[in-house]
Amino acid sequence: MTPPTTVNETNKHSATPYEAQQSFAQSLKNAISEVNAQQIQSDIKTEKLINGGDVDLHDVMITAQKASITLNATMEIRNKAVEAYQEIMRMSV
């Protein structure tokens, strides 16, 4: 086993609280962006179906279900995060 050759290699796994916060915020933004993209895709396919566009009904239904499941999962994660926050705030220090 060879020792690390640079400072970056020694600190590779330890992030500052600010870096961890930024990383979490970016992950959250990406997840919400993905949910939004799924909703938009579902809306586009639904509009095409309504206007008589070249789209299969089963494809529209599958896309709508994926968007719905993604949104519901996001809401459940949010609810659990709020519950965890509230539990932490109730703790006595």
PDB file of N, CA and C in Angstrom:
ATOM      1  N   MET A   1       0.853  -1.169   0.000  1.00  0.00           N
ATOM      2  CA  MET A   1       0.000   0.000   0.000  1.00  0.00           C
ATOM      3  C   MET A   1       0.900   1.234   0.000  1.00  0.00           C
ATOM      4  N   THR A   2       0.638   2.151  -0.919  1.00  0.00           N
ATOM      5  CA  THR A   2       1.452   3.355  -1.014  1.00  0.00           C
ATOM      6  C   THR A   2       0.736   4.510  -0.345  1.00  0.00           C
ATOM      7  N   PRO A   3       1.478   5.396   0.289  1.00  0.00           N
ATOM      8  CA  PRO A   3       0.846   6.555   0.939  1.00  0.00           C
ATOM      9  C   PRO A   3       0.329   7.538  -0.111  1.00  0.00           C
ATOM     10  N   PRO A   4      -0.633   8.367   0.246  1.00  0.00           N
ATOM     11  CA  PRO A   4      -1.153   9.363  -0.693  1.00  0.00           C
ATOM     12  C   PRO A   4      -0.044  10.320  -1.113  1.00  0.00           C
ATOM     13  N   THR A   5      -0.095  10.727  -2.377  1.00  0.00           N
ATOM     14  CA  THR A   5       0.964  11.589  -2.894  1.00  0.00           C
ATOM     15  C   THR A   5       0.598  13.059  -2.858  1.00  0.00           C
ATOM     16  N   THR A   6      -0.671  13.369  -2.765  1.00  0.00           N
ATOM     17  CA  THR A   6      -1.072  14.776  -2.717  1.00  0.00           C
ATOM     18  C   THR A   6      -2.019  15.009  -1.555  1.00  0.00           C
ATOM     19  N   VAL A   7      -2.226  16.268  -1.251  1.00  0.00           N
ATOM     20  CA  VAL A   7      -3.129  16.645  -0.172  1.00  0.00           C
ATOM     21  C   VAL A   7      -4.555  16.251  -0.524  1.00  0.00           C
ATOM     22  N   ASN A   8      -4.949  16.378  -1.792  1.00  0.00           N
ATOM     23  CA  ASN A   8      -6.307  16.042  -2.216  1.00  0.00           C
ATOM     24  C   ASN A   8      -6.632  14.573  -1.973  1.00  0.00           C
ATOM     25  N   GLU A   9      -5.659  13.715  -2.119  1.00  0.00           N
ATOM     26  CA  GLU A   9      -5.910  12.296  -1.918  1.00  0.00           C
ATOM     27  C   GLU A   9      -6.161  11.973  -0.445  1.00  0.00           C
ATOM     28  N   THR A  10      -5.546  12.706   0.465  1.00  0.00           N
ATOM     29  CA  THR A  10      -5.774  12.440   1.883  1.00  0.00           C
ATOM     30  C   THR A  10      -7.136  12.932   2.322  1.00  0.00           C
ATOM     31  N   ASN A  11      -7.613  14.025   1.754  1.00  0.00           N
ATOM     32  CA  ASN A  11      -8.902  14.607   2.128  1.00  0.00           C
ATOM     33  C   ASN A  11     -10.021  14.193   1.172  1.00  0.00           C
ATOM     34  N   LYS A  12      -9.803  13.168   0.409  1.00  0.00           N
ATOM     35  CA  LYS A  12     -10.750  12.766  -0.615  1.00  0.00           C
ATOM     36  C   LYS A  12     -12.119  12.401  -0.047  1.00  0.00           C
ATOM     37  N   HIS A  13     -12.152  11.764   1.112  1.00  0.00           N
ATOM     38  CA  HIS A  13     -13.405  11.278   1.649  1.00  0.00           C
ATOM     39  C   HIS A  13     -14.010  12.188   2.712  1.00  0.00           C
ATOM     40  N   SER A  14     -13.319  13.213   3.126  1.00  0.00           N
ATOM     41  CA  SER A  14     -13.876  14.098   4.144  1.00  0.00           C
ATOM     42  C   SER A  14     -14.239  15.428   3.500  1.00  0.00           C
ATOM     43  N   ALA A  15     -15.501  15.766   3.597  1.00  0.00           N
ATOM     44  CA  ALA A  15     -15.979  17.030   3.046  1.00  0.00           C
ATOM     45  C   ALA A  15     -16.314  17.964   4.196  1.00  0.00           C
ATOM     46  N   THR A  16     -16.172  19.233   3.938  1.00  0.00           N
ATOM     47  CA  THR A  16     -16.551  20.218   4.935  1.00  0.00           C
ATOM     48  C   THR A  16     -18.075  20.259   5.022  1.00  0.00           C
ATOM     49  N   PRO A  17     -18.615  20.783   6.102  1.00  0.00           N
ATOM     50  CA  PRO A  17     -20.083  20.893   6.198  1.00  0.00           C
ATOM     51  C   PRO A  17     -20.675  21.695   5.036  1.00  0.00           C
ATOM     52  N   TYR A  18     -19.976  22.738   4.616  1.00  0.00           N
ATOM     53  CA  TYR A  18     -20.463  23.546   3.492  1.00  0.00           C
ATOM     54  C   TYR A  18     -20.519  22.717   2.217  1.00  0.00           C
ATOM     55  N   GLU A  19     -19.468  21.945   1.955  1.00  0.00           N
ATOM     56  CA  GLU A  19     -19.433  21.104   0.751  1.00  0.00           C
ATOM     57  C   GLU A  19     -20.531  20.037   0.803  1.00  0.00           C
ATOM     58  N   ALA A  20     -20.746  19.459   1.971  1.00  0.00           N
ATOM     59  CA  ALA A  20     -21.800  18.454   2.125  1.00  0.00           C
ATOM     60  C   ALA A  20     -23.166  19.085   1.884  1.00  0.00           C
ATOM     61  N   GLN A  21     -23.357  20.290   2.395  1.00  0.00           N
ATOM     62  CA  GLN A  21     -24.621  20.988   2.196  1.00  0.00           C
ATOM     63  C   GLN A  21     -24.844  21.294   0.719  1.00  0.00           C
ATOM     64  N   GLN A  22     -23.803  21.752   0.047  1.00  0.00           N
ATOM     65  CA  GLN A  22     -23.921  22.052  -1.382  1.00  0.00           C
ATOM     66  C   GLN A  22     -24.190  20.791  -2.196  1.00  0.00           C
ATOM     67  N   SER A  23     -23.536  19.710  -1.829  1.00  0.00           N
ATOM     68  CA  SER A  23     -23.744  18.445  -2.524  1.00  0.00           C
ATOM     69  C   SER A  23     -25.178  17.954  -2.334  1.00  0.00           C
ATOM     70  N   PHE A  24     -25.686  18.049  -1.112  1.00  0.00           N
ATOM     71  CA  PHE A  24     -27.063  17.647  -0.839  1.00  0.00           C
ATOM     72  C   PHE A  24     -28.041  18.533  -1.596  1.00  0.00           C
ATOM     73  N   ALA A  25     -27.787  19.821  -1.599  1.00  0.00           N
ATOM     74  CA  ALA A  25     -28.671  20.756  -2.306  1.00  0.00           C
ATOM     75  C   ALA A  25     -28.685  20.446  -3.804  1.00  0.00           C
ATOM     76  N   GLN A  26     -27.525  20.144  -4.367  1.00  0.00           N
ATOM     77  CA  GLN A  26     -27.452  19.823  -5.784  1.00  0.00           C
ATOM     78  C   GLN A  26     -28.194  18.517  -6.085  1.00  0.00           C
ATOM     79  N   SER A  27     -28.048  17.533  -5.223  1.00  0.00           N
ATOM     80  CA  SER A  27     -28.756  16.261  -5.403  1.00  0.00           C
ATOM     81  C   SER A  27     -30.266  16.477  -5.342  1.00  0.00           C
ATOM     82  N   LEU A  28     -30.700  17.312  -4.424  1.00  0.00           N
ATOM     83  CA  LEU A  28     -32.120  17.617  -4.296  1.00  0.00           C
ATOM     84  C   LEU A  28     -32.638  18.343  -5.531  1.00  0.00           C
ATOM     85  N   LYS A  29     -31.871  19.300  -6.028  1.00  0.00           N
ATOM     86  CA  LYS A  29     -32.255  20.020  -7.245  1.00  0.00           C
ATOM     87  C   LYS A  29     -32.383  19.067  -8.423  1.00  0.00           C
ATOM     88  N   ASN A  30     -31.410  18.154  -8.550  1.00  0.00           N
ATOM     89  CA  ASN A  30     -31.442  17.191  -9.656  1.00  0.00           C
ATOM     90  C   ASN A  30     -32.661  16.287  -9.568  1.00  0.00           C
ATOM     91  N   ALA A  31     -32.998  15.844  -8.369  1.00  0.00           N
ATOM     92  CA  ALA A  31     -34.151  14.972  -8.193  1.00  0.00           C
ATOM     93  C   ALA A  31     -35.451  15.700  -8.545  1.00  0.00           C
ATOM     94  N   ILE A  32     -35.582  16.922  -8.089  1.00  0.00           N
ATOM     95  CA  ILE A  32     -36.788  17.696  -8.389  1.00  0.00           C
ATOM     96  C   ILE A  32     -36.865  18.016  -9.874  1.00  0.00           C
ATOM     97  N   SER A  33     -35.729  18.275 -10.476  1.00  0.00           N
ATOM     98  CA  SER A  33     -35.685  18.523 -11.916  1.00  0.00           C
ATOM     99  C   SER A  33     -36.141  17.295 -12.704  1.00  0.00           C
ATOM    100  N   GLU A  34     -35.739  16.119 -12.244  1.00  0.00           N
ATOM    101  CA  GLU A  34     -36.149  14.873 -12.896  1.00  0.00           C
ATOM    102  C   GLU A  34     -37.657  14.663 -12.773  1.00  0.00           C
ATOM    103  N   VAL A  35     -38.216  14.953 -11.609  1.00  0.00           N
ATOM    104  CA  VAL A  35     -39.666  14.846 -11.417  1.00  0.00           C
ATOM    105  C   VAL A  35     -40.380  15.810 -12.364  1.00  0.00           C
ATOM    106  N   ASN A  36     -39.878  17.022 -12.459  1.00  0.00           N
ATOM    107  CA  ASN A  36     -40.470  18.020 -13.345  1.00  0.00           C
ATOM    108  C   ASN A  36     -40.392  17.577 -14.801  1.00  0.00           C
ATOM    109  N   ALA A  37     -39.263  17.011 -15.197  1.00  0.00           N
ATOM    110  CA  ALA A  37     -39.103  16.543 -16.578  1.00  0.00           C
ATOM    111  C   ALA A  37     -40.108  15.430 -16.896  1.00  0.00           C
ATOM    112  N   GLN A  38     -40.326  14.537 -15.947  1.00  0.00           N
ATOM    113  CA  GLN A  38     -41.296  13.461 -16.156  1.00  0.00           C
ATOM    114  C   GLN A  38     -42.707  14.032 -16.299  1.00  0.00           C
ATOM    115  N   GLN A  39     -43.043  15.027 -15.486  1.00  0.00           N
ATOM    116  CA  GLN A  39     -44.363  15.649 -15.577  1.00  0.00           C
ATOM    117  C   GLN A  39     -44.553  16.346 -16.922  1.00  0.00           C
ATOM    118  N   ILE A  40     -43.526  17.043 -17.374  1.00  0.00           N
ATOM    119  CA  ILE A  40     -43.601  17.750 -18.654  1.00  0.00           C
ATOM    120  C   ILE A  40     -43.745  16.757 -19.802  1.00  0.00           C
ATOM    121  N   GLN A  41     -42.978  15.676 -19.757  1.00  0.00           N
ATOM    122  CA  GLN A  41     -43.067  14.654 -20.798  1.00  0.00           C
ATOM    123  C   GLN A  41     -44.476  14.056 -20.844  1.00  0.00           C
ATOM    124  N   SER A  42     -45.048  13.810 -19.680  1.00  0.00           N
ATOM    125  CA  SER A  42     -46.411  13.286 -19.618  1.00  0.00           C
ATOM    126  C   SER A  42     -47.405  14.280 -20.213  1.00  0.00           C
ATOM    127  N   ASP A  43     -47.262  15.549 -19.881  1.00  0.00           N
ATOM    128  CA  ASP A  43     -48.153  16.584 -20.416  1.00  0.00           C
ATOM    129  C   ASP A  43     -48.046  16.684 -21.935  1.00  0.00           C
ATOM    130  N   ILE A  44     -46.830  16.606 -22.456  1.00  0.00           N
ATOM    131  CA  ILE A  44     -46.617  16.704 -23.907  1.00  0.00           C
ATOM    132  C   ILE A  44     -47.298  15.549 -24.623  1.00  0.00           C
ATOM    133  N   LYS A  45     -47.119  14.335 -24.105  1.00  0.00           N
ATOM    134  CA  LYS A  45     -47.731  13.170 -24.752  1.00  0.00           C
ATOM    135  C   LYS A  45     -49.251  13.217 -24.642  1.00  0.00           C
ATOM    136  N   THR A  46     -49.758  13.701 -23.522  1.00  0.00           N
ATOM    137  CA  THR A  46     -51.207  13.824 -23.361  1.00  0.00           C
ATOM    138  C   THR A  46     -51.766  14.837 -24.361  1.00  0.00           C
ATOM    139  N   GLU A  47     -51.096  15.963 -24.520  1.00  0.00           N
ATOM    140  CA  GLU A  47     -51.515  16.983 -25.491  1.00  0.00           C
ATOM    141  C   GLU A  47     -51.513  16.420 -26.912  1.00  0.00           C
ATOM    142  N   LYS A  48     -50.476  15.653 -27.250  1.00  0.00           N
ATOM    143  CA  LYS A  48     -50.414  15.041 -28.583  1.00  0.00           C
ATOM    144  C   LYS A  48     -51.597  14.109 -28.799  1.00  0.00           C
ATOM    145  N   LEU A  49     -51.935  13.319 -27.784  1.00  0.00           N
ATOM    146  CA  LEU A  49     -53.067  12.398 -27.892  1.00  0.00           C
ATOM    147  C   LEU A  49     -54.373  13.157 -28.073  1.00  0.00           C
ATOM    148  N   ILE A  50     -54.553  14.208 -27.299  1.00  0.00           N
ATOM    149  CA  ILE A  50     -55.778  15.008 -27.387  1.00  0.00           C
ATOM    150  C   ILE A  50     -55.920  15.654 -28.753  1.00  0.00           C
ATOM    151  N   ASN A  51     -54.815  16.122 -29.312  1.00  0.00           N
ATOM    152  CA  ASN A  51     -54.840  16.812 -30.602  1.00  0.00           C
ATOM    153  C   ASN A  51     -54.776  15.856 -31.787  1.00  0.00           C
ATOM    154  N   GLY A  52     -54.806  14.560 -31.525  1.00  0.00           N
ATOM    155  CA  GLY A  52     -54.793  13.593 -32.617  1.00  0.00           C
ATOM    156  C   GLY A  52     -53.417  13.341 -33.189  1.00  0.00           C
ATOM    157  N   GLY A  53     -52.385  13.583 -32.415  1.00  0.00           N
ATOM    158  CA  GLY A  53     -51.019  13.372 -32.880  1.00  0.00           C
ATOM    159  C   GLY A  53     -50.677  11.892 -32.983  1.00  0.00           C
ATOM    160  N   ASP A  54     -49.505  11.617 -33.510  1.00  0.00           N
ATOM    161  CA  ASP A  54     -49.054  10.242 -33.710  1.00  0.00           C
ATOM    162  C   ASP A  54     -48.418   9.717 -32.422  1.00  0.00           C
ATOM    163  N   VAL A  55     -49.272   9.264 -31.501  1.00  0.00           N
ATOM    164  CA  VAL A  55     -48.813   8.737 -30.228  1.00  0.00           C
ATOM    165  C   VAL A  55     -49.770   7.623 -29.801  1.00  0.00           C
ATOM    166  N   ASP A  56     -49.211   6.556 -29.256  1.00  0.00           N
ATOM    167  CA  ASP A  56     -50.033   5.429 -28.817  1.00  0.00           C
ATOM    168  C   ASP A  56     -50.628   5.703 -27.442  1.00  0.00           C
ATOM    169  N   LEU A  57     -51.857   5.240 -27.252  1.00  0.00           N
ATOM    170  CA  LEU A  57     -52.537   5.435 -25.977  1.00  0.00           C
ATOM    171  C   LEU A  57     -51.775   4.772 -24.829  1.00  0.00           C
ATOM    172  N   HIS A  58     -51.285   3.559 -25.071  1.00  0.00           N
ATOM    173  CA  HIS A  58     -50.571   2.868 -23.987  1.00  0.00           C
ATOM    174  C   HIS A  58     -49.288   3.591 -23.616  1.00  0.00           C
ATOM    175  N   ASP A  59     -48.637   4.238 -24.582  1.00  0.00           N
ATOM    176  CA  ASP A  59     -47.426   5.008 -24.293  1.00  0.00           C
ATOM    177  C   ASP A  59     -47.759   6.227 -23.422  1.00  0.00           C
ATOM    178  N   VAL A  60     -48.883   6.866 -23.719  1.00  0.00           N
ATOM    179  CA  VAL A  60     -49.324   8.020 -22.925  1.00  0.00           C
ATOM    180  C   VAL A  60     -49.639   7.577 -21.494  1.00  0.00           C
ATOM    181  N   MET A  61     -50.333   6.446 -21.365  1.00  0.00           N
ATOM    182  CA  MET A  61     -50.705   5.957 -20.038  1.00  0.00           C
ATOM    183  C   MET A  61     -49.476   5.545 -19.222  1.00  0.00           C
ATOM    184  N   ILE A  62     -48.525   4.898 -19.855  1.00  0.00           N
ATOM    185  CA  ILE A  62     -47.293   4.496 -19.152  1.00  0.00           C
ATOM    186  C   ILE A  62     -46.523   5.723 -18.687  1.00  0.00           C
ATOM    187  N   THR A  63     -46.406   6.711 -19.558  1.00  0.00           N
ATOM    188  CA  THR A  63     -45.692   7.939 -19.200  1.00  0.00           C
ATOM    189  C   THR A  63     -46.398   8.661 -18.051  1.00  0.00           C
ATOM    190  N   ALA A  64     -47.720   8.702 -18.092  1.00  0.00           N
ATOM    191  CA  ALA A  64     -48.485   9.354 -17.025  1.00  0.00           C
ATOM    192  C   ALA A  64     -48.304   8.613 -15.699  1.00  0.00           C
ATOM    193  N   GLN A  65     -48.295   7.287 -15.732  1.00  0.00           N
ATOM    194  CA  GLN A  65     -48.104   6.510 -14.510  1.00  0.00           C
ATOM    195  C   GLN A  65     -46.704   6.705 -13.937  1.00  0.00           C
ATOM    196  N   LYS A  66     -45.694   6.740 -14.816  1.00  0.00           N
ATOM    197  CA  LYS A  66     -44.322   6.986 -14.342  1.00  0.00           C
ATOM    198  C   LYS A  66     -44.227   8.345 -13.663  1.00  0.00           C
ATOM    199  N   ALA A  67     -44.836   9.355 -14.276  1.00  0.00           N
ATOM    200  CA  ALA A  67     -44.810  10.699 -13.691  1.00  0.00           C
ATOM    201  C   ALA A  67     -45.534  10.711 -12.345  1.00  0.00           C
ATOM    202  N   SER A  68     -46.648  10.020 -12.270  1.00  0.00           N
ATOM    203  CA  SER A  68     -47.419   9.966 -11.031  1.00  0.00           C
ATOM    204  C   SER A  68     -46.643   9.260  -9.923  1.00  0.00           C
ATOM    205  N   ILE A  69     -46.033   8.133 -10.249  1.00  0.00           N
ATOM    206  CA  ILE A  69     -45.261   7.387  -9.254  1.00  0.00           C
ATOM    207  C   ILE A  69     -44.065   8.204  -8.771  1.00  0.00           C
ATOM    208  N   THR A  70     -43.391   8.867  -9.695  1.00  0.00           N
ATOM    209  CA  THR A  70     -42.239   9.694  -9.331  1.00  0.00           C
ATOM    210  C   THR A  70     -42.650  10.835  -8.407  1.00  0.00           C
ATOM    211  N   LEU A  71     -43.771  11.474  -8.730  1.00  0.00           N
ATOM    212  CA  LEU A  71     -44.258  12.571  -7.892  1.00  0.00           C
ATOM    213  C   LEU A  71     -44.669  12.069  -6.513  1.00  0.00           C
ATOM    214  N   ASN A  72     -45.374  10.947  -6.461  1.00  0.00           N
ATOM    215  CA  ASN A  72     -45.786  10.388  -5.175  1.00  0.00           C
ATOM    216  C   ASN A  72     -44.587   9.993  -4.318  1.00  0.00           C
ATOM    217  N   ALA A  73     -43.575   9.401  -4.929  1.00  0.00           N
ATOM    218  CA  ALA A  73     -42.367   9.032  -4.186  1.00  0.00           C
ATOM    219  C   ALA A  73     -41.673  10.278  -3.640  1.00  0.00           C
ATOM    220  N   THR A  74     -41.621  11.323  -4.448  1.00  0.00           N
ATOM    221  CA  THR A  74     -41.002  12.578  -4.010  1.00  0.00           C
ATOM    222  C   THR A  74     -41.763  13.172  -2.827  1.00  0.00           C
ATOM    223  N   MET A  75     -43.076  13.123  -2.884  1.00  0.00           N
ATOM    224  CA  MET A  75     -43.887  13.651  -1.787  1.00  0.00           C
ATOM    225  C   MET A  75     -43.674  12.848  -0.506  1.00  0.00           C
ATOM    226  N   GLU A  76     -43.557  11.535  -0.621  1.00  0.00           N
ATOM    227  CA  GLU A  76     -43.317  10.702   0.559  1.00  0.00           C
ATOM    228  C   GLU A  76     -41.947  10.987   1.170  1.00  0.00           C
ATOM    229  N   ILE A  77     -40.952  11.174   0.322  1.00  0.00           N
ATOM    230  CA  ILE A  77     -39.609  11.504   0.819  1.00  0.00           C
ATOM    231  C   ILE A  77     -39.640  12.847   1.532  1.00  0.00           C
ATOM    232  N   ARG A  78     -40.342  13.798   0.942  1.00  0.00           N
ATOM    233  CA  ARG A  78     -40.472  15.108   1.592  1.00  0.00           C
ATOM    234  C   ARG A  78     -41.154  14.980   2.950  1.00  0.00           C
ATOM    235  N   ASN A  79     -42.227  14.200   3.005  1.00  0.00           N
ATOM    236  CA  ASN A  79     -42.946  14.018   4.268  1.00  0.00           C
ATOM    237  C   ASN A  79     -42.049  13.390   5.335  1.00  0.00           C
ATOM    238  N   LYS A  80     -41.256  12.398   4.949  1.00  0.00           N
ATOM    239  CA  LYS A  80     -40.347  11.750   5.904  1.00  0.00           C
ATOM    240  C   LYS A  80     -39.260  12.718   6.367  1.00  0.00           C
ATOM    241  N   ALA A  81     -38.778  13.553   5.463  1.00  0.00           N
ATOM    242  CA  ALA A  81     -37.757  14.538   5.842  1.00  0.00           C
ATOM    243  C   ALA A  81     -38.329  15.548   6.828  1.00  0.00           C
ATOM    244  N   VAL A  82     -39.563  15.983   6.605  1.00  0.00           N
ATOM    245  CA  VAL A  82     -40.208  16.930   7.521  1.00  0.00           C
ATOM    246  C   VAL A  82     -40.429  16.270   8.879  1.00  0.00           C
ATOM    247  N   GLU A  83     -40.867  15.020   8.882  1.00  0.00           N
ATOM    248  CA  GLU A  83     -41.059  14.302  10.142  1.00  0.00           C
ATOM    249  C   GLU A  83     -39.742  14.178  10.905  1.00  0.00           C
ATOM    250  N   ALA A  84     -38.664  13.858  10.200  1.00  0.00           N
ATOM    251  CA  ALA A  84     -37.356  13.728  10.848  1.00  0.00           C
ATOM    252  C   ALA A  84     -36.914  15.069  11.426  1.00  0.00           C
ATOM    253  N   TYR A  85     -37.116  16.149  10.688  1.00  0.00           N
ATOM    254  CA  TYR A  85     -36.770  17.484  11.171  1.00  0.00           C
ATOM    255  C   TYR A  85     -37.561  17.822  12.434  1.00  0.00           C
ATOM    256  N   GLN A  86     -38.860  17.542  12.402  1.00  0.00           N
ATOM    257  CA  GLN A  86     -39.698  17.832  13.561  1.00  0.00           C
ATOM    258  C   GLN A  86     -39.275  17.011  14.770  1.00  0.00           C
ATOM    259  N   GLU A  87     -38.888  15.776  14.548  1.00  0.00           N
ATOM    260  CA  GLU A  87     -38.431  14.924  15.645  1.00  0.00           C
ATOM    261  C   GLU A  87     -37.121  15.467  16.244  1.00  0.00           C
ATOM    262  N   ILE A  88     -36.238  15.920  15.383  1.00  0.00           N
ATOM    263  CA  ILE A  88     -34.974  16.494  15.865  1.00  0.00           C
ATOM    264  C   ILE A  88     -35.242  17.767  16.668  1.00  0.00           C
ATOM    265  N   MET A  89     -36.192  18.577  16.209  1.00  0.00           N
ATOM    266  CA  MET A  89     -36.497  19.813  16.927  1.00  0.00           C
ATOM    267  C   MET A  89     -37.137  19.546  18.283  1.00  0.00           C
ATOM    268  N   ARG A  90     -37.785  18.404  18.443  1.00  0.00           N
ATOM    269  CA  ARG A  90     -38.388  18.050  19.739  1.00  0.00           C
ATOM    270  C   ARG A  90     -37.373  17.518  20.734  1.00  0.00           C
ATOM    271  N   MET A  91     -36.204  17.144  20.277  1.00  0.00           N
ATOM    272  CA  MET A  91     -35.188  16.585  21.184  1.00  0.00           C
ATOM    273  C   MET A  91     -34.654  17.661  22.122  1.00  0.00           C
ATOM    274  N   SER A  92     -34.417  17.270  23.350  1.00  0.00           N
ATOM    275  CA  SER A  92     -33.824  18.212  24.282  1.00  0.00           C
ATOM    276  C   SER A  92     -32.304  18.073  24.214  1.00  0.00           C
ATOM    277  N   VAL A  93     -31.653  19.195  24.282  1.00  0.00           N
ATOM    278  CA  VAL A  93     -30.206  19.200  24.136  1.00  0.00           C
ATOM    279  C   VAL A  93     -29.511  19.179  25.474  1.00  0.00           C
TER     280      VAL A  93
END
